[in-house]
Protein backbone atom coordinates (compact mmCIF):
# COMPACT_ATOMS: atom_id res chain seq x y z
CA MET A 1 116.53 106.00 77.32
CA GLU A 2 114.80 103.06 79.00
CA ARG A 3 113.57 102.81 82.59
CA THR A 4 112.96 100.13 85.22
CA VAL A 5 110.06 100.61 87.66
CA VAL A 6 110.06 98.63 90.92
CA ALA A 7 107.46 98.30 93.71
CA VAL A 8 107.33 96.14 96.87
CA PHE A 9 104.12 94.63 98.29
CA ASP A 10 103.38 92.81 101.53
CA SER A 11 101.48 89.94 99.92
CA ARG A 12 101.60 87.97 96.69
CA GLN A 13 97.91 88.72 96.05
CA GLU A 14 98.59 92.48 96.04
CA ALA A 15 101.60 91.98 93.78
CA GLU A 16 99.68 89.86 91.26
CA ALA A 17 96.80 92.37 91.19
CA ALA A 18 99.30 95.16 90.48
CA MET A 19 100.87 93.09 87.70
CA GLN A 20 97.47 92.64 86.04
CA ASP A 21 96.89 96.39 86.20
CA VAL A 22 100.28 97.02 84.58
CA VAL A 23 99.52 94.58 81.75
CA ALA A 24 96.17 96.35 81.27
CA CYS A 25 98.14 99.55 80.59
CA GLY A 26 99.52 97.96 77.42
CA VAL A 27 102.78 96.53 78.80
CA ASP A 28 103.93 93.16 77.46
CA ARG A 29 103.53 90.43 80.11
CA GLN A 30 107.12 89.33 79.41
CA GLN A 31 108.30 92.71 80.76
CA VAL A 32 106.59 92.25 84.15
CA HIS A 33 108.57 90.18 86.65
CA LEU A 34 107.67 88.95 90.14
CA ARG A 35 110.13 87.98 92.87
CA GLU A 36 108.97 86.41 96.14
CA GLY A 37 111.35 85.53 98.96
CA SER A 38 115.14 85.79 98.70
CA MET A 39 116.90 85.52 95.33
CA GLU A 40 118.46 82.20 96.38
CA ASP A 41 115.45 80.14 97.45
CA VAL A 42 113.02 81.10 94.67
CA PRO A 43 114.49 80.52 91.20
CA GLY A 44 113.39 82.86 88.42
CA THR A 45 113.81 83.20 84.72
CA LYS A 46 116.86 84.87 83.25
CA ALA A 47 114.72 87.84 82.20
CA ALA A 48 113.44 88.34 85.77
CA ASP A 49 116.95 88.18 87.20
CA GLU A 50 118.20 90.70 84.66
CA ALA A 51 115.33 93.11 85.41
CA ILE A 52 115.87 92.93 89.17
CA ARG A 53 119.62 93.31 88.70
CA ARG A 54 119.02 96.51 86.73
CA ALA A 55 116.74 97.69 89.55
CA GLY A 56 119.61 97.62 92.02
CA TRP A 57 120.58 93.96 92.45
CA GLY A 58 123.62 91.96 91.49
CA ASP A 59 125.80 94.56 89.81
CA HIS A 60 125.37 96.98 92.73
CA LEU A 61 125.39 94.72 95.78
CA GLY A 62 126.98 97.48 97.82
CA ASP A 63 124.13 99.84 97.07
CA GLU A 64 121.92 100.67 100.08
CA HIS A 65 118.68 100.01 98.21
CA SER A 66 119.84 96.52 97.24
CA GLY A 67 120.11 95.48 100.89
CA GLN A 68 116.74 97.05 101.68
CA TYR A 69 115.06 95.11 98.84
CA ARG A 70 116.72 91.90 100.00
CA GLU A 71 115.58 92.49 103.61
CA ALA A 72 111.98 93.13 102.48
CA LEU A 73 111.97 89.84 100.58
CA ARG A 74 113.54 88.04 103.55
CA ARG A 75 110.66 89.31 105.71
CA GLY A 76 108.01 87.87 103.34
CA SER A 77 107.32 90.73 100.92
CA CYS A 78 107.08 90.48 97.12
CA LEU A 79 108.89 92.61 94.55
CA VAL A 80 107.47 93.57 91.14
CA ALA A 81 109.88 94.86 88.50
CA VAL A 82 108.71 96.20 85.12
CA ASP A 83 111.51 96.50 82.56
CA PRO A 84 112.48 97.76 80.05
CA LEU A 85 110.21 100.76 79.58
CA PRO A 86 110.43 103.92 77.49
CA GLN A 87 110.26 107.16 79.41
CA ASP A 88 106.67 107.95 78.44
CA LYS A 89 105.46 104.50 79.56
CA ALA A 90 107.31 104.47 82.90
CA MET A 91 104.98 107.09 84.40
CA ASP A 92 101.86 105.11 83.44
CA VAL A 93 103.31 101.96 84.99
CA ALA A 94 104.29 103.83 88.17
CA ALA A 95 100.73 105.14 88.51
CA ALA A 96 99.29 101.65 88.00
CA LEU A 97 101.52 100.16 90.70
CA SER A 98 100.75 102.97 93.16
CA ARG A 99 97.03 102.23 92.92
CA HIS A 100 97.65 98.95 94.78
CA ASP A 101 99.27 100.59 97.85
CA PRO A 102 102.87 99.38 97.64
CA ILE A 103 104.85 99.72 100.85
CA ASN A 104 106.90 102.81 101.54
CA LEU A 105 110.32 101.18 101.73
CA ASP A 106 111.97 104.15 103.49
CA ASP A 107 109.28 104.18 106.19
CA ARG A 108 109.48 100.40 106.54
CA VAL A 109 113.27 100.55 106.94
CA ALA A 110 112.85 103.17 109.68
CA GLY A 111 110.61 100.71 111.55
CA TRP A 112 113.22 97.98 111.20
CA ARG A 113 115.92 100.23 112.57
CA GLU A 114 113.76 101.10 115.60
CA ARG A 115 113.78 97.38 116.44
CA GLY A 116 117.55 97.08 116.09
CA TRP A 117 118.03 96.25 112.38
CA GLN A 118 121.46 97.46 111.28
CA GLY A 119 121.57 96.29 107.68
CA TYR A 120 120.98 93.30 105.43
CA ASP A 121 122.81 90.13 106.47
CA ALA A 122 123.08 87.56 103.69
CA ALA A 123 123.56 84.82 106.29
CA ALA A 124 120.28 85.62 108.08
CA PRO A 125 117.55 82.98 107.46
CA ARG A 126 114.29 83.83 105.73
CA PHE A 127 111.36 84.60 108.07
CA SER A 128 109.08 81.72 108.98
CA GLU A 129 105.33 81.97 108.36
CA GLN A 130 104.76 82.89 112.01
CA GLU A 131 107.45 85.58 111.87
CA VAL A 132 105.92 86.95 108.67
CA ARG A 133 102.49 87.19 110.34
CA THR A 134 104.04 88.91 113.38
CA GLU A 135 105.85 91.35 111.10
CA ARG A 136 102.66 92.25 109.25
CA ASP A 137 100.69 92.66 112.48
CA PHE A 138 103.35 95.07 113.73
CA ASN A 139 103.17 97.13 110.54
CA ALA A 140 99.38 97.27 110.73
CA GLN A 141 99.25 98.46 114.32
CA ARG A 142 97.96 101.94 115.10
CA PRO A 143 98.04 103.66 118.53
CA ARG A 144 94.75 103.53 120.46
CA ALA A 145 93.59 105.57 123.45
CA ALA A 146 93.29 103.47 126.59
CA ALA A 147 89.92 103.51 128.40
CA THR A 148 89.80 104.35 132.14
CA THR A 149 87.62 102.24 134.51
CA GLY A 150 86.64 102.97 138.09
CA ASP A 151 85.15 101.12 141.08
CA THR A 152 81.36 101.47 140.69
CA ASP A 153 80.46 100.19 144.13
CA SER A 154 82.86 102.45 146.02
CA ASP A 155 81.65 105.46 144.02
CA ALA A 156 78.03 104.67 144.90
CA ASN A 157 78.84 104.26 148.60
CA ALA A 158 80.69 107.55 148.64
CA SER A 159 77.72 109.35 147.09
CA ARG A 160 75.46 108.06 149.85
CA GLN A 161 77.81 109.02 152.65
CA GLN A 162 78.58 112.58 151.66
CA ALA A 163 77.38 115.34 149.40
CA SER A 164 79.05 115.32 145.99
CA THR A 165 78.66 116.67 142.48
CA ILE A 166 77.99 114.13 139.74
CA PRO A 167 78.96 115.46 136.33
CA VAL A 168 76.79 114.88 133.30
CA VAL A 169 79.21 114.21 130.46
CA GLU A 170 78.47 114.21 126.76
CA GLU A 171 80.99 113.44 124.03
CA ASP A 172 81.31 115.48 120.84
CA LEU A 173 82.67 114.02 117.61
CA ALA A 174 85.70 115.93 116.36
CA VAL A 175 86.99 114.92 112.94
CA GLY A 176 90.50 115.99 111.97
CA LYS A 177 92.94 115.12 109.23
CA ARG A 178 96.45 113.70 109.14
CA MET A 179 98.86 112.94 106.34
CA VAL A 180 99.88 109.29 106.02
CA GLU A 181 102.23 107.54 103.62
CA ARG A 182 100.49 105.26 101.12
CA GLY A 183 103.58 103.91 99.41
CA GLY A 184 105.12 105.36 96.28
CA VAL A 185 107.35 104.51 93.35
CA ARG A 186 111.06 104.74 92.73
CA ILE A 187 112.12 105.57 89.15
CA TYR A 188 115.54 104.56 87.88
CA THR A 189 117.40 106.10 84.96
CA ARG A 190 119.98 103.97 83.18
CA VAL A 191 122.08 104.40 80.05
CA THR A 192 122.23 101.69 77.38
CA GLU A 193 124.49 101.42 74.37
CA ARG A 194 123.75 99.87 71.01
CA PRO A 195 126.05 99.37 68.01
CA VAL A 196 125.28 101.38 64.86
CA GLU A 197 126.94 101.39 61.44
CA GLU A 198 126.85 103.64 58.41
CA SER A 199 128.35 103.20 54.90
CA VAL A 200 130.59 105.92 53.44
CA THR A 201 132.51 106.01 50.10
CA LEU A 202 136.19 106.93 50.54
CA ARG A 203 138.53 108.06 47.68
CA GLU A 204 142.17 106.95 47.47
CA GLU A 205 144.99 108.10 45.14
CA HIS A 206 147.85 105.80 44.10
CA ALA A 207 150.94 106.78 42.06
CA ARG A 208 151.23 104.85 38.79
CA VAL A 209 154.58 104.39 37.00
CA GLN A 210 154.73 102.37 33.75
CA ARG A 211 157.86 101.58 31.76
CA ARG A 212 157.66 100.48 28.07
CA ASP A 213 160.16 99.83 25.30
CA VAL A 214 160.04 101.99 22.12
CA ASP A 215 162.24 102.33 18.97
CA ARG A 216 161.96 105.63 17.12
CA PRO A 217 164.24 108.50 16.08
CA ALA A 218 164.76 111.12 18.86
CA THR A 219 163.02 114.41 18.25
CA GLU A 220 164.14 117.86 19.19
CA ALA A 221 161.91 117.79 22.26
CA ASP A 222 163.38 114.46 23.29
CA LEU A 223 166.87 115.84 23.04
CA ARG A 224 166.02 118.90 25.15
CA THR A 225 164.99 116.78 28.13
CA ALA A 226 166.89 113.57 27.65
CA PHE A 227 170.26 114.70 28.94
CA LYS A 228 169.06 116.89 31.84
CA GLU A 229 169.08 115.61 35.42
CA GLY A 230 166.02 116.27 37.61
CA SER A 231 163.36 114.72 39.77
CA MET A 232 159.61 114.82 40.23
CA GLU A 233 157.22 113.67 42.95
CA ILE A 234 153.67 112.45 42.81
CA ALA A 235 151.73 112.68 46.13
CA GLU A 236 149.36 109.91 47.06
CA ARG A 237 146.28 110.91 49.08
CA SER A 238 143.29 109.05 50.52
CA GLU A 239 140.12 109.94 52.40
CA GLU A 240 139.35 108.53 55.87
CA ALA A 241 136.05 108.43 57.84
CA VAL A 242 135.56 111.08 60.52
CA VAL A 243 132.99 110.20 63.26
CA SER A 244 131.15 112.79 65.34
CA LYS A 245 128.17 112.49 67.67
CA GLN A 246 125.39 114.93 68.44
CA ALA A 247 123.01 114.43 71.38
CA ARG A 248 119.34 115.14 70.79
CA VAL A 249 116.48 115.27 73.27
CA VAL A 250 113.90 112.77 72.01
CA GLY A 251 111.56 112.67 74.98
CA GLU A 252 110.85 114.01 78.45
CA VAL A 253 109.39 112.49 81.61
CA ASP A 254 107.59 114.86 83.95
CA VAL A 255 107.76 113.61 87.54
CA GLY A 256 105.26 115.02 89.98
CA LYS A 257 102.12 114.27 91.94
CA ASP A 258 98.47 114.81 91.14
CA VAL A 259 96.45 116.07 94.10
CA SER A 260 92.73 115.35 94.33
CA GLU A 261 90.15 115.82 97.06
CA ARG A 262 87.36 113.53 98.17
CA THR A 263 84.63 113.77 100.77
CA GLU A 264 84.49 110.93 103.26
CA LYS A 265 81.64 110.39 105.71
CA VAL A 266 82.96 109.46 109.15
CA LYS A 267 80.65 107.39 111.34
CA ASP A 268 81.22 106.74 115.04
CA THR A 269 79.36 106.74 118.35
CA VAL A 270 79.41 109.35 121.11
CA ARG A 271 78.48 108.75 124.74
CA ARG A 272 76.47 110.75 127.26
CA SER A 273 76.03 110.07 130.93
CA ASP A 274 72.61 110.79 132.47
CA VAL A 275 71.84 111.13 136.21
CA GLU A 276 68.52 109.75 137.46
CA VAL A 277 67.07 110.80 140.83
CA GLU A 278 64.84 108.37 142.73
CA ASP A 279 62.80 109.40 145.76
CA LEU A 280 63.22 107.05 148.71
CA ALA A 281 60.26 106.24 151.04
CA ALA A 282 60.40 107.66 154.62
CA SER A 283 61.66 105.14 157.20
CA ARG A 284 59.22 103.98 159.98
CA THR A 285 60.10 103.19 163.67
CA THR A 286 58.27 100.22 165.27
CA GLY A 287 57.83 99.88 169.12
CA ASN A 288 55.49 100.75 172.00
CA THR A 289 52.94 103.49 171.47
CA GLY A 290 53.00 106.25 174.08
CA THR A 291 53.72 109.87 174.76
CA THR A 292 57.04 111.57 175.06
CA GLY A 293 57.84 113.47 178.25
CA ALA A 294 60.00 116.50 178.77
CA ASP A 295 63.04 114.29 179.48
CA GLY A 296 62.70 112.68 176.06
CA ARG A 297 61.53 109.28 177.44
CA THR A 298 58.47 107.48 176.20
CA ARG A 299 55.87 106.85 178.86
CA THR A 300 53.31 104.08 178.48
CA PRO A 301 49.87 104.85 179.99
CA ARG A 302 48.62 102.48 182.66
CA ARG A 303 45.19 101.02 182.81
CA THR A 304 43.09 101.37 186.04
């Protein structure tokens, strides 16, 4: 049984790099096909069209995956189809394609639906270069925490006018983990038929009746049978070919995932706020020099 392996990439460079990796696995270059843009505006060879059709195009236009592939191409992605492959080779090709981070089509479709996409429309025009860049920027976006800013001058004035507590803040680096989708592969199983023929020798029987003229005296044996009525039958038989089929398991494909661990060093910066205290000089009062009386008034001495 032969397989077709398909992967979708956001750029032609990624797709071509994946194709080179597949060929390095020992796959004939004629079996690796690239499709960029819609099927209508980028002509391809007959072999490429046949491979993509077997991957869910053409003969299955009502299939959900067909519309999703068409929409990905309409939005500027590239499709790589490798076909035909024996079962034992399909897994190696799938691993080679996955090393180049193909898009997760199911996750991508979910993003389209969040923005109102309801299904592939054959009449919809292909994305322009600007729309393609906008689409890729949207897919690359990740949520970021917004920073909070305050009014420095008003905070300083408030600290001078009234007693307050100024916190000394220090950030700690906390490293966690999250599971993210890095693409994947979709494996198709299809059934092919091929004509076979075998030679067999068949035996046939045919009745043979021969009449000949003779001239001799009748014997006693001839007289015993000559004047008796009777009949005899000779059956004709022939052999015919009988065809039977027996299914045999000639190979197996184990589908699974290999899990590995790696240590990654995370580098970032942490902040700390420090509070500095500055002593201010005592204020001085300028004016007349004198003594202060009991009523709190300053009295200037007179000269005599």
